[in-house]
Amino acid sequence: MSRGKRLQPVLKLAQGKVEEAARALGYLNQKIAAEQATHSQLKNYESEYLQLMRGGDEPGRRMDIHAVMRYQLFIQRLEAAQIQQNEQIKLLEQQKEQVTKHWIKTQARAKGIDSVIESARKEDEIIANRQEQKLFDEFNSQKASRQT
């Protein structure tokens, strides 16, 4: 069995790791997008509630102190949730960076194995061509010696 064929299972494993890292990267990208969408919603809620607290579209509307305090408490909770979302997004982006590095490394490893297999295939081809040429030369040599 040629060296290239013996290395095929190794290449298959390396390609599997590349695909696994790519799937993880895709998952993290989706997760980051979802967290960013949640963060955006929280910002929108905050601006809506601030608008309501200021009286909204009703000039002269008055709120009692308890309603103002409830609104302020709710706004504080929204701000805390936004901070938490930012931290979650940062954490996911750090994970994405690590997974991207891993993906690049596994992809390079798979390409390296593939190039070794290609080199082995070319080497096997050269050896086969030399053997074929040797047989052809021997055949011609025997043919020439029979004719004399």
C-alpha atoms as a PDB file:
ATOM      1  CA  MET A   1       0.000   0.000   0.000  1.00  0.00           C
ATOM      2  CA  SER A   2       1.391   3.369  -0.959  1.00  0.00           C
ATOM      3  CA  ARG A   3       2.225   6.015   1.592  1.00  0.00           C
ATOM      4  CA  GLY A   4      -0.456   8.330   0.159  1.00  0.00           C
ATOM      5  CA  LYS A   5      -3.153   5.694   0.661  1.00  0.00           C
ATOM      6  CA  ARG A   6      -1.964   5.012   4.202  1.00  0.00           C
ATOM      7  CA  LEU A   7      -2.306   8.721   4.995  1.00  0.00           C
ATOM      8  CA  GLN A   8      -5.892   8.998   3.686  1.00  0.00           C
ATOM      9  CA  PRO A   9      -7.488   8.134   7.068  1.00  0.00           C
ATOM     10  CA  VAL A  10      -5.324  10.784   8.726  1.00  0.00           C
ATOM     11  CA  LEU A  11      -6.488  13.336   6.153  1.00  0.00           C
ATOM     12  CA  LYS A  12     -10.093  12.309   6.711  1.00  0.00           C
ATOM     13  CA  LEU A  13      -9.722  12.841  10.473  1.00  0.00           C
ATOM     14  CA  ALA A  14      -8.096  16.243   9.921  1.00  0.00           C
ATOM     15  CA  GLN A  15     -10.877  17.302   7.552  1.00  0.00           C
ATOM     16  CA  GLY A  16     -13.437  16.169  10.125  1.00  0.00           C
ATOM     17  CA  LYS A  17     -11.800  18.431  12.708  1.00  0.00           C
ATOM     18  CA  VAL A  18     -11.896  21.337  10.252  1.00  0.00           C
ATOM     19  CA  GLU A  19     -15.617  20.768   9.683  1.00  0.00           C
ATOM     20  CA  GLU A  20     -16.228  20.498  13.429  1.00  0.00           C
ATOM     21  CA  ALA A  21     -14.427  23.803  14.036  1.00  0.00           C
ATOM     22  CA  ALA A  22     -16.387  25.425  11.195  1.00  0.00           C
ATOM     23  CA  ARG A  23     -19.671  24.265  12.741  1.00  0.00           C
ATOM     24  CA  ALA A  24     -18.606  25.677  16.117  1.00  0.00           C
ATOM     25  CA  LEU A  25     -17.735  28.955  14.433  1.00  0.00           C
ATOM     26  CA  GLY A  26     -21.133  29.058  12.732  1.00  0.00           C
ATOM     27  CA  TYR A  27     -22.881  28.361  16.035  1.00  0.00           C
ATOM     28  CA  LEU A  28     -20.975  31.152  17.767  1.00  0.00           C
ATOM     29  CA  ASN A  29     -21.783  33.587  14.960  1.00  0.00           C
ATOM     30  CA  GLN A  30     -25.494  32.765  15.326  1.00  0.00           C
ATOM     31  CA  LYS A  31     -25.286  33.078  19.108  1.00  0.00           C
ATOM     32  CA  ILE A  32     -23.549  36.468  18.874  1.00  0.00           C
ATOM     33  CA  ALA A  33     -26.172  37.716  16.398  1.00  0.00           C
ATOM     34  CA  ALA A  34     -28.963  36.589  18.737  1.00  0.00           C
ATOM     35  CA  GLU A  35     -27.338  38.262  21.748  1.00  0.00           C
ATOM     36  CA  GLN A  36     -26.839  41.468  19.760  1.00  0.00           C
ATOM     37  CA  ALA A  37     -30.496  41.395  18.746  1.00  0.00           C
ATOM     38  CA  THR A  38     -31.501  40.986  22.392  1.00  0.00           C
ATOM     39  CA  HIS A  39     -29.243  43.887  23.336  1.00  0.00           C
ATOM     40  CA  SER A  40     -30.862  46.012  20.644  1.00  0.00           C
ATOM     41  CA  GLN A  41     -34.324  45.135  21.957  1.00  0.00           C
ATOM     42  CA  LEU A  42     -33.301  46.137  25.467  1.00  0.00           C
ATOM     43  CA  LYS A  43     -32.092  49.501  24.157  1.00  0.00           C
ATOM     44  CA  ASN A  44     -35.392  50.008  22.343  1.00  0.00           C
ATOM     45  CA  TYR A  45     -37.387  49.152  25.478  1.00  0.00           C
ATOM     46  CA  GLU A  46     -35.310  51.585  27.480  1.00  0.00           C
ATOM     47  CA  SER A  47     -35.883  54.446  25.047  1.00  0.00           C
ATOM     48  CA  GLU A  48     -39.630  53.655  24.895  1.00  0.00           C
ATOM     49  CA  TYR A  49     -39.947  53.656  28.675  1.00  0.00           C
ATOM     50  CA  LEU A  50     -37.893  56.830  29.005  1.00  0.00           C
ATOM     51  CA  GLN A  51     -40.231  58.436  26.488  1.00  0.00           C
ATOM     52  CA  LEU A  52     -43.239  57.258  28.517  1.00  0.00           C
ATOM     53  CA  MET A  53     -41.659  58.511  31.723  1.00  0.00           C
ATOM     54  CA  ARG A  54     -41.213  61.954  30.181  1.00  0.00           C
ATOM     55  CA  GLY A  55     -44.887  62.078  29.337  1.00  0.00           C
ATOM     56  CA  GLY A  56     -44.882  60.528  25.899  1.00  0.00           C
ATOM     57  CA  ASP A  57     -47.275  62.156  23.487  1.00  0.00           C
ATOM     58  CA  GLU A  58     -49.499  63.548  26.213  1.00  0.00           C
ATOM     59  CA  PRO A  59     -48.372  67.065  27.171  1.00  0.00           C
ATOM     60  CA  GLY A  60     -49.300  68.001  30.700  1.00  0.00           C
ATOM     61  CA  ARG A  61     -49.620  64.383  31.798  1.00  0.00           C
ATOM     62  CA  ARG A  62     -48.488  63.905  35.346  1.00  0.00           C
ATOM     63  CA  MET A  63     -47.183  60.826  37.087  1.00  0.00           C
ATOM     64  CA  ASP A  64     -47.277  60.233  40.796  1.00  0.00           C
ATOM     65  CA  ILE A  65     -44.043  59.591  42.653  1.00  0.00           C
ATOM     66  CA  HIS A  66     -44.666  55.837  42.879  1.00  0.00           C
ATOM     67  CA  ALA A  67     -45.090  55.546  39.118  1.00  0.00           C
ATOM     68  CA  VAL A  68     -41.879  57.527  38.563  1.00  0.00           C
ATOM     69  CA  MET A  69     -40.020  55.292  40.997  1.00  0.00           C
ATOM     70  CA  ARG A  70     -41.353  52.151  39.268  1.00  0.00           C
ATOM     71  CA  TYR A  71     -40.261  53.524  35.899  1.00  0.00           C
ATOM     72  CA  GLN A  72     -36.818  54.415  37.243  1.00  0.00           C
ATOM     73  CA  LEU A  73     -36.428  50.981  38.780  1.00  0.00           C
ATOM     74  CA  PHE A  74     -37.468  49.363  35.517  1.00  0.00           C
ATOM     75  CA  ILE A  75     -35.002  51.546  33.559  1.00  0.00           C
ATOM     76  CA  GLN A  76     -32.237  50.540  35.983  1.00  0.00           C
ATOM     77  CA  ARG A  77     -33.068  46.891  35.404  1.00  0.00           C
ATOM     78  CA  LEU A  78     -32.986  47.423  31.645  1.00  0.00           C
ATOM     79  CA  GLU A  79     -29.587  49.111  31.950  1.00  0.00           C
ATOM     80  CA  ALA A  80     -28.283  46.237  34.078  1.00  0.00           C
ATOM     81  CA  ALA A  81     -29.605  43.758  31.530  1.00  0.00           C
ATOM     82  CA  GLN A  82     -27.833  45.693  28.752  1.00  0.00           C
ATOM     83  CA  ILE A  83     -24.564  45.565  30.687  1.00  0.00           C
ATOM     84  CA  GLN A  84     -25.034  41.831  31.160  1.00  0.00           C
ATOM     85  CA  GLN A  85     -25.754  41.430  27.431  1.00  0.00           C
ATOM     86  CA  ASN A  86     -22.585  43.372  26.582  1.00  0.00           C
ATOM     87  CA  GLU A  87     -20.567  41.068  28.828  1.00  0.00           C
ATOM     88  CA  GLN A  88     -22.173  38.011  27.222  1.00  0.00           C
ATOM     89  CA  ILE A  89     -21.384  39.352  23.737  1.00  0.00           C
ATOM     90  CA  LYS A  90     -17.757  40.038  24.733  1.00  0.00           C
ATOM     91  CA  LEU A  91     -17.414  36.526  26.131  1.00  0.00           C
ATOM     92  CA  LEU A  92     -18.875  34.988  22.977  1.00  0.00           C
ATOM     93  CA  GLU A  93     -16.579  37.081  20.780  1.00  0.00           C
ATOM     94  CA  GLN A  94     -13.571  35.885  22.796  1.00  0.00           C
ATOM     95  CA  GLN A  95     -14.735  32.302  22.300  1.00  0.00           C
ATOM     96  CA  LYS A  96     -15.205  33.024  18.602  1.00  0.00           C
ATOM     97  CA  GLU A  97     -11.637  34.316  18.391  1.00  0.00           C
ATOM     98  CA  GLN A  98     -10.316  31.128  20.014  1.00  0.00           C
ATOM     99  CA  VAL A  99     -12.430  28.907  17.760  1.00  0.00           C
ATOM    100  CA  THR A 100     -11.309  30.890  14.701  1.00  0.00           C
ATOM    101  CA  LYS A 101      -7.664  30.308  15.655  1.00  0.00           C
ATOM    102  CA  HIS A 102      -8.412  26.606  16.165  1.00  0.00           C
ATOM    103  CA  TRP A 103     -10.182  26.438  12.796  1.00  0.00           C
ATOM    104  CA  ILE A 104      -7.232  28.101  11.051  1.00  0.00           C
ATOM    105  CA  LYS A 105      -4.815  25.702  12.737  1.00  0.00           C
ATOM    106  CA  THR A 106      -6.854  22.598  11.845  1.00  0.00           C
ATOM    107  CA  GLN A 107      -7.303  23.814   8.284  1.00  0.00           C
ATOM    108  CA  ALA A 108      -3.547  24.359   7.920  1.00  0.00           C
ATOM    109  CA  ARG A 109      -2.900  20.892   9.350  1.00  0.00           C
ATOM    110  CA  ALA A 110      -5.329  19.310   6.874  1.00  0.00           C
ATOM    111  CA  LYS A 111      -3.719  21.195   3.970  1.00  0.00           C
ATOM    112  CA  GLY A 112      -0.291  20.029   5.138  1.00  0.00           C
ATOM    113  CA  ILE A 113      -1.415  16.402   5.239  1.00  0.00           C
ATOM    114  CA  ASP A 114      -3.000  16.822   1.814  1.00  0.00           C
ATOM    115  CA  SER A 115       0.246  18.189   0.380  1.00  0.00           C
ATOM    116  CA  VAL A 116       2.200  15.255   1.892  1.00  0.00           C
ATOM    117  CA  ILE A 117      -0.263  12.855   0.256  1.00  0.00           C
ATOM    118  CA  GLU A 118       0.099  14.677  -3.069  1.00  0.00           C
ATOM    119  CA  SER A 119       3.902  14.512  -2.808  1.00  0.00           C
ATOM    120  CA  ALA A 120       3.724  10.796  -2.017  1.00  0.00           C
ATOM    121  CA  ARG A 121       1.404  10.252  -4.993  1.00  0.00           C
ATOM    122  CA  LYS A 122       3.824  12.065  -7.311  1.00  0.00           C
ATOM    123  CA  GLU A 123       6.737  10.104  -5.881  1.00  0.00           C
ATOM    124  CA  ASP A 124       4.854   6.826  -6.412  1.00  0.00           C
ATOM    125  CA  GLU A 125       4.080   7.900  -9.958  1.00  0.00           C
ATOM    126  CA  ILE A 126       7.761   8.641 -10.652  1.00  0.00           C
ATOM    127  CA  ILE A 127       8.787   5.262  -9.222  1.00  0.00           C
ATOM    128  CA  ALA A 128       6.143   3.481 -11.317  1.00  0.00           C
ATOM    129  CA  ASN A 129       7.300   5.322 -14.451  1.00  0.00           C
ATOM    130  CA  ARG A 130      10.918   4.341 -13.758  1.00  0.00           C
ATOM    131  CA  GLN A 131       9.953   0.696 -13.240  1.00  0.00           C
ATOM    132  CA  GLU A 132       7.922   0.758 -16.443  1.00  0.00           C
ATOM    133  CA  GLN A 133      10.841   2.304 -18.317  1.00  0.00           C
ATOM    134  CA  LYS A 134      13.210  -0.316 -16.858  1.00  0.00           C
ATOM    135  CA  LEU A 135      10.905  -3.140 -17.992  1.00  0.00           C
ATOM    136  CA  PHE A 136      10.600  -1.561 -21.430  1.00  0.00           C
ATOM    137  CA  ASP A 137      14.394  -1.231 -21.700  1.00  0.00           C
ATOM    138  CA  GLU A 138      14.882  -4.850 -20.606  1.00  0.00           C
ATOM    139  CA  PHE A 139      12.297  -6.007 -23.142  1.00  0.00           C
ATOM    140  CA  ASN A 140      14.013  -4.065 -25.929  1.00  0.00           C
ATOM    141  CA  SER A 141      17.400  -5.393 -24.808  1.00  0.00           C
ATOM    142  CA  GLN A 142      16.133  -8.999 -24.892  1.00  0.00           C
ATOM    143  CA  LYS A 143      14.473  -8.404 -28.263  1.00  0.00           C
ATOM    144  CA  ALA A 144      17.714  -6.974 -29.703  1.00  0.00           C
ATOM    145  CA  SER A 145      19.774  -9.906 -28.365  1.00  0.00           C
ATOM    146  CA  ARG A 146      17.374 -12.421 -29.942  1.00  0.00           C
ATOM    147  CA  GLN A 147      17.647 -10.764 -33.304  1.00  0.00           C
ATOM    148  CA  THR A 148      21.433 -11.043 -33.419  1.00  0.00           C
END
